[in-house]
Amino acid sequence: MKKILLFAAVLLAAVSCKNGTKTLLPNVSGKAGEIIVIMDKNNWDGDLGTAVRDVLAGDCPYLAQKEPLYNLANVSPTGFADLFKVHRNIMIFNLDATLAEGGMLYRADVWARPQCVVQLNARDAAEAARVFQDNEERILATFEQAERDRVIANSKLYEEKKLGEAVREMIGGSPHFPSGYKLKKKTDDFIWIADEKQYSTQGVFIYTYPASATENLSLDNIIAHRNRILKDNVPGMFEGTYMTTGDYLKPTVEYVAFRGRQFAQTRGFWEVHNDFMGGPFVSHAFYGKDPSTIVVLEAWVYAPKYDKRQYLRQVESIIYSFEWDKPVSEKGRDEKK
C-alpha cells in the first residue's frame, strides 16, 4: 500500500526582539477553518483562483453533506491592511516579474499569534499556479496542522487530567482531553470518553487488541477489529442496535509519519446497526509499547443538526495530541529545565 507522509509544517517564528524580550503580539482573529487569501481580483476570478479553491475549499471527506475544507476570503494586496494581518490563517500570493524564481515561504506568528502564514512567490499567475500545484499537499498540511495545534494548545491549557491518567494506565500514553470531556466507559481494553451536548457528541474511543503475525495495519484488519469491538462495547438506544462501520462511504487508510510516531490513519463513516444514526470517524492504529498489541485511538462525531467539519477537526486534533509517557529519567530532566 502506498505510504503517505503527512508533512509536519516547517514554520519559522518571526518575532521581533528588543532588549532581549519578545515583542508582544495580539491574539489572532477570525473563525476556525478560515483562510484569508491575498490575491488580486483578476487572478482570483481566473485560473489561479480556481486552482486554489479546488484544493483549499475542496470537499471535506466523509461528511454526509458537502462542506469545504476551509472557508476562503479573498483580499487584494492593496487592501491587506492591519485588520486582516492578524487573521489566524493567511495565504499570500506575491506576484513580481522581477523575481529570480518562484518558491514557497512558511512562517508562524508574523503579525499575531498563534498565526500561520504561507507565502507563494512567483513572477506571474501561470508560474504561481505551477508552484501551488507542486506544493499543494504541503500547503494544505501546514494549515491543517496549524488548526490542530491551536486545539491541542487549548486542550493542554484546560485539560481534564484524570482522563489522561485513566488512558495511560491502560496503554502507557494518552491524548490531552480538554474541559467538557467525561469518561463514559472503561474496561481492561476499551475506554470511551465523550463531550456530550444537547444536539452534538464528540467522542473518543481507545482500545487494544492482540497483534497477529501479518496484516495488522491493513484496512480490512482494522475495520474487522473495529466492528467486533464496537459491537461489544457501544450499544445503540434500542435492543439489537450497536455502532459499526457504515457502507455509505468506503473507508480508506493512509500511513502517516507524524512527530516521531507512525500510525495507520483510517477515515470512514460510522452508523448504528438497525437504527438511523451515523457520522464521520477517523482512527489512528499503531503498535503499543508491547509490539504484540495494537492500539487504536478513534475520534468520531454525531451532530445531526449542524455542519460537522469543525466538530470533527476538533476531536481529531485530540488524538493527534497523543504522547507516550516519558521514562522517569526524562521526566527528571524536564523538571530541572
Protein backbone atom coordinates (compact mmCIF):
# COMPACT_ATOMS: atom_id res chain seq x y z
CA MET A 1 0.00 0.00 0.00
CA LYS A 2 1.13 3.47 -0.77
CA LYS A 3 2.71 5.24 2.16
CA ILE A 4 1.62 8.82 2.59
CA LEU A 5 3.80 11.19 4.55
CA LEU A 6 1.90 13.81 6.47
CA PHE A 7 4.11 16.83 6.17
CA ALA A 8 4.81 18.44 9.53
CA ALA A 9 4.88 22.15 8.78
CA VAL A 10 8.29 23.76 8.95
CA LEU A 11 7.31 27.08 10.45
CA LEU A 12 9.84 29.81 11.24
CA ALA A 13 8.94 32.04 14.17
CA ALA A 14 9.08 35.65 13.02
CA VAL A 15 9.26 37.56 16.28
CA SER A 16 10.99 40.92 16.79
CA CYS A 17 13.25 41.23 19.82
CA LYS A 18 14.21 44.26 21.79
CA ASN A 19 16.41 44.30 24.89
CA GLY A 20 16.29 40.52 24.91
CA THR A 21 12.48 40.25 25.17
CA LYS A 22 9.98 39.17 22.54
CA THR A 23 7.59 41.77 21.17
CA LEU A 24 4.08 41.05 22.36
CA LEU A 25 1.77 40.07 19.53
CA PRO A 26 -2.02 40.29 19.60
CA ASN A 27 -4.17 37.18 19.56
CA VAL A 28 -5.29 36.05 16.14
CA SER A 29 -8.70 36.97 14.77
CA GLY A 30 -11.12 35.06 12.57
CA LYS A 31 -13.01 31.81 12.95
CA ALA A 32 -11.53 28.34 12.97
CA GLY A 33 -11.44 26.91 9.46
CA GLU A 34 -10.98 30.27 7.70
CA ILE A 35 -8.12 31.30 5.40
CA ILE A 36 -7.51 34.83 4.07
CA VAL A 37 -6.12 34.61 0.51
CA ILE A 38 -4.15 37.67 -0.61
CA MET A 39 -4.52 37.84 -4.39
CA ASP A 40 -5.71 40.45 -6.88
CA LYS A 41 -9.30 40.04 -8.07
CA ASN A 42 -8.45 39.24 -11.70
CA ASN A 43 -6.37 36.23 -10.69
CA TRP A 44 -8.90 35.24 -8.01
CA ASP A 45 -11.59 35.08 -10.69
CA GLY A 46 -9.25 33.31 -13.10
CA ASP A 47 -7.39 30.01 -13.34
CA LEU A 48 -5.15 30.70 -10.34
CA GLY A 49 -8.08 31.34 -8.02
CA THR A 50 -9.83 28.24 -9.31
CA ALA A 51 -6.75 26.11 -8.58
CA VAL A 52 -6.58 27.48 -5.04
CA ARG A 53 -10.29 26.91 -4.35
CA ASP A 54 -10.12 23.36 -5.72
CA VAL A 55 -7.54 22.45 -3.06
CA LEU A 56 -8.24 24.62 0.00
CA ALA A 57 -12.03 24.73 -0.42
CA GLY A 58 -12.50 21.23 -1.78
CA ASP A 59 -14.97 18.86 -0.18
CA CYS A 60 -14.14 17.77 3.36
CA PRO A 61 -14.04 13.93 3.20
CA TYR A 62 -16.51 11.58 4.90
CA LEU A 63 -19.23 14.05 5.75
CA ALA A 64 -22.84 13.27 4.92
CA GLN A 65 -23.37 16.75 3.45
CA LYS A 66 -20.84 18.73 1.41
CA GLU A 67 -18.68 21.11 3.43
CA PRO A 68 -15.46 22.83 2.27
CA LEU A 69 -12.15 22.02 3.92
CA TYR A 70 -11.73 25.75 4.55
CA ASN A 71 -13.80 28.88 4.13
CA LEU A 72 -11.79 31.25 1.94
CA ALA A 73 -11.94 35.04 1.83
CA ASN A 74 -10.16 36.94 -0.93
CA VAL A 75 -8.39 40.20 -0.08
CA SER A 76 -6.47 42.24 -2.67
CA PRO A 77 -2.82 43.08 -1.95
CA THR A 78 -3.69 46.80 -1.74
CA GLY A 79 -6.45 46.03 0.76
CA PHE A 80 -4.26 43.88 3.01
CA ALA A 81 -4.39 46.22 5.99
CA ASP A 82 -3.80 45.68 9.73
CA LEU A 83 -7.35 44.37 10.14
CA PHE A 84 -6.53 41.33 8.01
CA LYS A 85 -2.92 40.90 9.12
CA VAL A 86 -3.99 39.49 12.49
CA HIS A 87 -6.06 36.69 10.95
CA ARG A 88 -5.26 33.13 12.08
CA ASN A 89 -4.51 31.73 8.59
CA ILE A 90 -3.11 33.78 5.70
CA MET A 91 -2.10 32.65 2.20
CA ILE A 92 -0.19 35.37 0.32
CA PHE A 93 0.38 35.30 -3.44
CA ASN A 94 3.30 37.61 -4.17
CA LEU A 95 3.48 38.10 -7.96
CA ASP A 96 6.53 40.10 -9.03
CA ALA A 97 8.01 39.99 -12.54
CA THR A 98 11.46 40.93 -11.19
CA LEU A 99 11.81 37.80 -9.03
CA ALA A 100 14.63 35.44 -9.97
CA GLU A 101 12.43 32.38 -9.38
CA GLY A 102 9.26 31.26 -7.67
CA GLY A 103 9.08 29.47 -4.34
CA MET A 104 7.33 28.96 -1.02
CA LEU A 105 7.79 30.53 2.42
CA TYR A 106 6.18 29.16 5.60
CA ARG A 107 6.08 31.38 8.69
CA ALA A 108 4.47 31.44 12.12
CA ASP A 109 3.35 34.34 14.33
CA VAL A 110 4.21 37.16 11.94
CA TRP A 111 1.56 39.74 12.92
CA ALA A 112 -0.37 37.81 15.61
CA ARG A 113 -0.25 34.52 17.48
CA PRO A 114 -0.83 31.65 17.04
CA GLN A 115 -0.74 32.52 13.34
CA CYS A 116 0.05 30.54 10.18
CA VAL A 117 1.29 32.46 7.14
CA VAL A 118 2.09 30.77 3.82
CA GLN A 119 3.59 32.93 1.07
CA LEU A 120 3.94 31.90 -2.57
CA ASN A 121 6.37 33.93 -4.68
CA ALA A 122 6.11 33.86 -8.47
CA ARG A 123 6.76 36.04 -11.49
CA ASP A 124 3.26 35.70 -12.94
CA ALA A 125 -0.03 33.87 -12.45
CA ALA A 126 0.96 30.90 -14.61
CA GLU A 127 4.10 30.28 -12.57
CA ALA A 128 2.12 30.79 -9.35
CA ALA A 129 -0.33 28.07 -10.40
CA ARG A 130 2.54 25.65 -11.12
CA VAL A 131 4.24 26.38 -7.79
CA PHE A 132 0.94 25.98 -5.94
CA GLN A 133 0.15 22.65 -7.58
CA ASP A 134 3.68 21.36 -6.89
CA ASN A 135 3.31 22.24 -3.19
CA GLU A 136 -0.43 21.78 -2.58
CA GLU A 137 -0.03 18.80 -0.21
CA ARG A 138 2.41 20.67 1.99
CA ILE A 139 0.36 23.87 1.91
CA LEU A 140 -2.75 22.01 2.99
CA ALA A 141 -0.85 20.04 5.66
CA THR A 142 0.59 23.29 7.04
CA PHE A 143 -2.83 24.88 7.55
CA GLU A 144 -4.27 21.60 8.87
CA GLN A 145 -1.54 21.28 11.48
CA ALA A 146 -1.84 24.93 12.49
CA GLU A 147 -5.54 24.38 13.16
CA ARG A 148 -4.79 21.20 15.13
CA ASP A 149 -2.06 22.85 17.16
CA ARG A 150 -4.46 25.57 18.31
CA VAL A 151 -6.92 22.94 19.53
CA ILE A 152 -4.14 20.97 21.22
CA ALA A 153 -2.81 24.09 22.98
CA ASN A 154 -6.31 24.79 24.29
CA SER A 155 -6.68 21.16 25.39
CA LYS A 156 -3.47 21.39 27.41
CA LEU A 157 -4.49 24.71 28.93
CA TYR A 158 -7.88 23.40 30.11
CA GLU A 159 -7.02 19.72 30.45
CA GLU A 160 -9.10 17.07 32.21
CA LYS A 161 -6.02 15.38 33.67
CA LYS A 162 -7.87 12.47 35.27
CA LEU A 163 -8.96 11.27 31.82
CA GLY A 164 -5.35 11.12 30.70
CA GLU A 165 -4.45 9.13 33.82
CA ALA A 166 -7.12 6.54 33.00
CA VAL A 167 -5.84 6.16 29.44
CA ARG A 168 -2.17 6.00 30.45
CA GLU A 169 -2.99 3.26 32.92
CA MET A 170 -4.24 1.13 30.03
CA ILE A 171 -1.80 1.88 27.19
CA GLY A 172 1.16 3.83 28.63
CA GLY A 173 0.35 7.15 27.00
CA SER A 174 -2.58 9.46 26.35
CA PRO A 175 -4.02 12.30 24.28
CA HIS A 176 -4.84 15.59 26.01
CA PHE A 177 -8.57 15.95 26.72
CA PRO A 178 -9.99 19.46 27.24
CA SER A 179 -12.66 20.51 29.70
CA GLY A 180 -16.09 19.09 28.88
CA TYR A 181 -14.97 15.54 28.10
CA LYS A 182 -16.03 12.83 30.52
CA LEU A 183 -15.34 9.14 31.00
CA LYS A 184 -18.32 7.04 29.91
CA LYS A 185 -16.88 3.51 29.99
CA LYS A 186 -13.65 1.76 30.93
CA THR A 187 -12.68 -1.91 30.71
CA ASP A 188 -9.30 -3.63 30.58
CA ASP A 189 -9.00 -2.98 26.83
CA PHE A 190 -11.60 -0.32 25.96
CA ILE A 191 -12.19 3.31 27.02
CA TRP A 192 -14.99 5.60 25.88
CA ILE A 193 -14.61 9.36 26.51
CA ALA A 194 -17.01 11.97 25.14
CA ASP A 195 -18.16 15.57 25.23
CA GLU A 196 -21.94 15.29 25.03
CA LYS A 197 -24.16 18.30 24.49
CA GLN A 198 -27.88 18.57 23.72
CA TYR A 199 -27.55 18.22 19.95
CA SER A 200 -23.97 17.02 19.42
CA THR A 201 -21.45 14.46 20.63
CA GLN A 202 -17.70 14.44 20.10
CA GLY A 203 -16.37 11.05 21.15
CA VAL A 204 -13.05 9.27 21.52
CA PHE A 205 -12.55 5.51 21.77
CA ILE A 206 -9.27 3.99 22.92
CA TYR A 207 -8.97 0.24 22.53
CA THR A 208 -6.40 -2.51 22.12
CA TYR A 209 -6.28 -5.98 20.58
CA PRO A 210 -3.57 -8.59 20.04
CA ALA A 211 -1.33 -8.15 17.02
CA SER A 212 -1.20 -11.01 14.55
CA ALA A 213 1.72 -12.29 12.51
CA THR A 214 0.68 -10.30 9.41
CA GLU A 215 -1.69 -7.61 8.12
CA ASN A 216 -2.04 -5.80 11.45
CA LEU A 217 -2.44 -2.37 9.90
CA SER A 218 -4.27 -3.31 6.73
CA LEU A 219 -7.63 -1.64 6.17
CA ASP A 220 -9.56 -4.93 6.30
CA ASN A 221 -7.93 -5.92 9.57
CA ILE A 222 -8.50 -2.52 11.19
CA ILE A 223 -12.19 -2.46 10.21
CA ALA A 224 -12.80 -6.09 11.25
CA HIS A 225 -11.45 -5.43 14.75
CA ARG A 226 -13.27 -2.11 14.93
CA ASN A 227 -16.64 -3.70 14.16
CA ARG A 228 -16.11 -6.51 16.66
CA ILE A 229 -15.00 -4.23 19.49
CA LEU A 230 -17.68 -1.57 18.97
CA LYS A 231 -20.43 -4.21 18.74
CA ASP A 232 -19.37 -5.45 22.18
CA ASN A 233 -18.91 -2.03 23.78
CA VAL A 234 -21.06 0.64 22.10
CA PRO A 235 -24.77 -0.24 22.16
CA GLY A 236 -27.42 1.88 20.45
CA MET A 237 -30.57 3.25 22.01
CA PHE A 238 -32.63 0.14 21.27
CA GLU A 239 -32.18 -3.58 21.76
CA GLY A 240 -30.17 -5.17 18.95
CA THR A 241 -28.53 -1.90 17.90
CA TYR A 242 -24.82 -1.07 18.10
CA MET A 243 -22.18 1.11 16.45
CA THR A 244 -20.44 -0.32 13.39
CA THR A 245 -18.74 0.83 10.19
CA GLY A 246 -21.16 2.07 7.58
CA ASP A 247 -21.04 1.31 3.87
CA TYR A 248 -22.36 4.77 2.97
CA LEU A 249 -18.75 5.64 2.10
CA LYS A 250 -15.97 3.08 1.78
CA PRO A 251 -13.27 3.60 4.46
CA THR A 252 -9.74 4.48 3.39
CA VAL A 253 -6.37 4.14 5.12
CA GLU A 254 -3.15 6.10 4.79
CA TYR A 255 0.15 5.53 6.56
CA VAL A 256 1.35 8.59 8.42
CA ALA A 257 4.64 9.69 9.96
CA PHE A 258 3.98 12.48 12.43
CA ARG A 259 6.30 13.98 15.05
CA GLY A 260 8.18 10.79 15.78
CA ARG A 261 5.15 8.50 15.59
CA GLN A 262 3.90 6.25 12.83
CA PHE A 263 0.31 5.07 12.51
CA ALA A 264 -2.34 3.91 10.08
CA GLN A 265 -4.96 6.65 9.75
CA THR A 266 -8.38 5.33 8.76
CA ARG A 267 -11.28 7.57 7.75
CA GLY A 268 -14.81 6.39 7.30
CA PHE A 269 -18.45 6.71 8.22
CA TRP A 270 -19.94 5.07 11.31
CA GLU A 271 -23.55 4.04 11.70
CA VAL A 272 -25.76 2.32 14.25
CA HIS A 273 -26.88 -1.12 13.10
CA ASN A 274 -30.69 -1.29 12.79
CA ASP A 275 -31.07 2.44 13.52
CA PHE A 276 -30.77 5.75 11.68
CA MET A 277 -27.70 7.35 13.27
CA GLY A 278 -24.29 7.98 11.75
CA GLY A 279 -21.39 10.33 11.23
CA PRO A 280 -17.69 10.60 10.37
CA PHE A 281 -14.82 8.95 12.21
CA VAL A 282 -11.03 8.94 11.98
CA SER A 283 -8.76 6.47 13.77
CA HIS A 284 -5.05 6.05 14.41
CA ALA A 285 -3.86 2.43 14.75
CA PHE A 286 -0.29 1.66 15.83
CA TYR A 287 1.81 -0.82 17.78
CA GLY A 288 1.76 -0.41 21.55
CA LYS A 289 4.79 -0.32 23.82
CA ASP A 290 4.44 -4.08 23.74
CA PRO A 291 4.66 -4.81 19.99
CA SER A 292 2.31 -7.76 20.42
CA THR A 293 -0.52 -5.24 20.95
CA ILE A 294 -2.28 -2.89 18.53
CA VAL A 295 -3.54 0.40 19.99
CA VAL A 296 -6.35 2.37 18.34
CA LEU A 297 -7.34 5.97 19.04
CA GLU A 298 -10.61 6.87 17.34
CA ALA A 299 -12.36 10.23 17.07
CA TRP A 300 -15.98 10.49 15.95
CA VAL A 301 -18.81 13.00 15.72
CA TYR A 302 -22.59 12.92 15.94
CA ALA A 303 -24.18 16.30 15.16
CA PRO A 304 -27.31 15.83 13.02
CA LYS A 305 -28.40 19.48 13.34
CA TYR A 306 -25.05 21.08 12.49
CA ASP A 307 -22.22 21.19 9.98
CA LYS A 308 -19.65 18.69 11.14
CA ARG A 309 -16.31 19.86 9.74
CA GLN A 310 -15.22 21.81 12.79
CA TYR A 311 -16.59 19.24 15.25
CA LEU A 312 -14.52 16.56 13.52
CA ARG A 313 -11.39 18.72 13.25
CA GLN A 314 -11.58 19.50 16.97
CA VAL A 315 -11.91 15.91 18.16
CA GLU A 316 -9.42 14.65 15.56
CA SER A 317 -6.91 17.12 16.99
CA ILE A 318 -7.24 15.38 20.34
CA ILE A 319 -6.00 12.05 19.02
CA TYR A 320 -3.18 13.88 17.22
CA SER A 321 -2.09 15.18 20.66
CA PHE A 322 -1.24 11.64 21.83
CA GLU A 323 2.05 11.30 23.70
CA TRP A 324 3.75 8.26 25.20
CA ASP A 325 4.65 8.51 28.87
CA LYS A 326 8.22 9.67 29.37
CA PRO A 327 10.70 7.46 31.24
CA VAL A 328 11.42 8.61 34.79
CA SER A 329 14.89 9.82 33.77
CA GLU A 330 13.42 12.13 31.10
CA LYS A 331 10.78 13.47 33.48
CA GLY A 332 13.56 14.42 35.89
CA ARG A 333 15.46 16.32 33.22
CA ASP A 334 12.30 18.20 32.21
CA GLU A 335 11.65 19.24 35.81
CA LYS A 336 15.16 20.68 36.11
CA LYS A 337 14.80 22.84 33.00
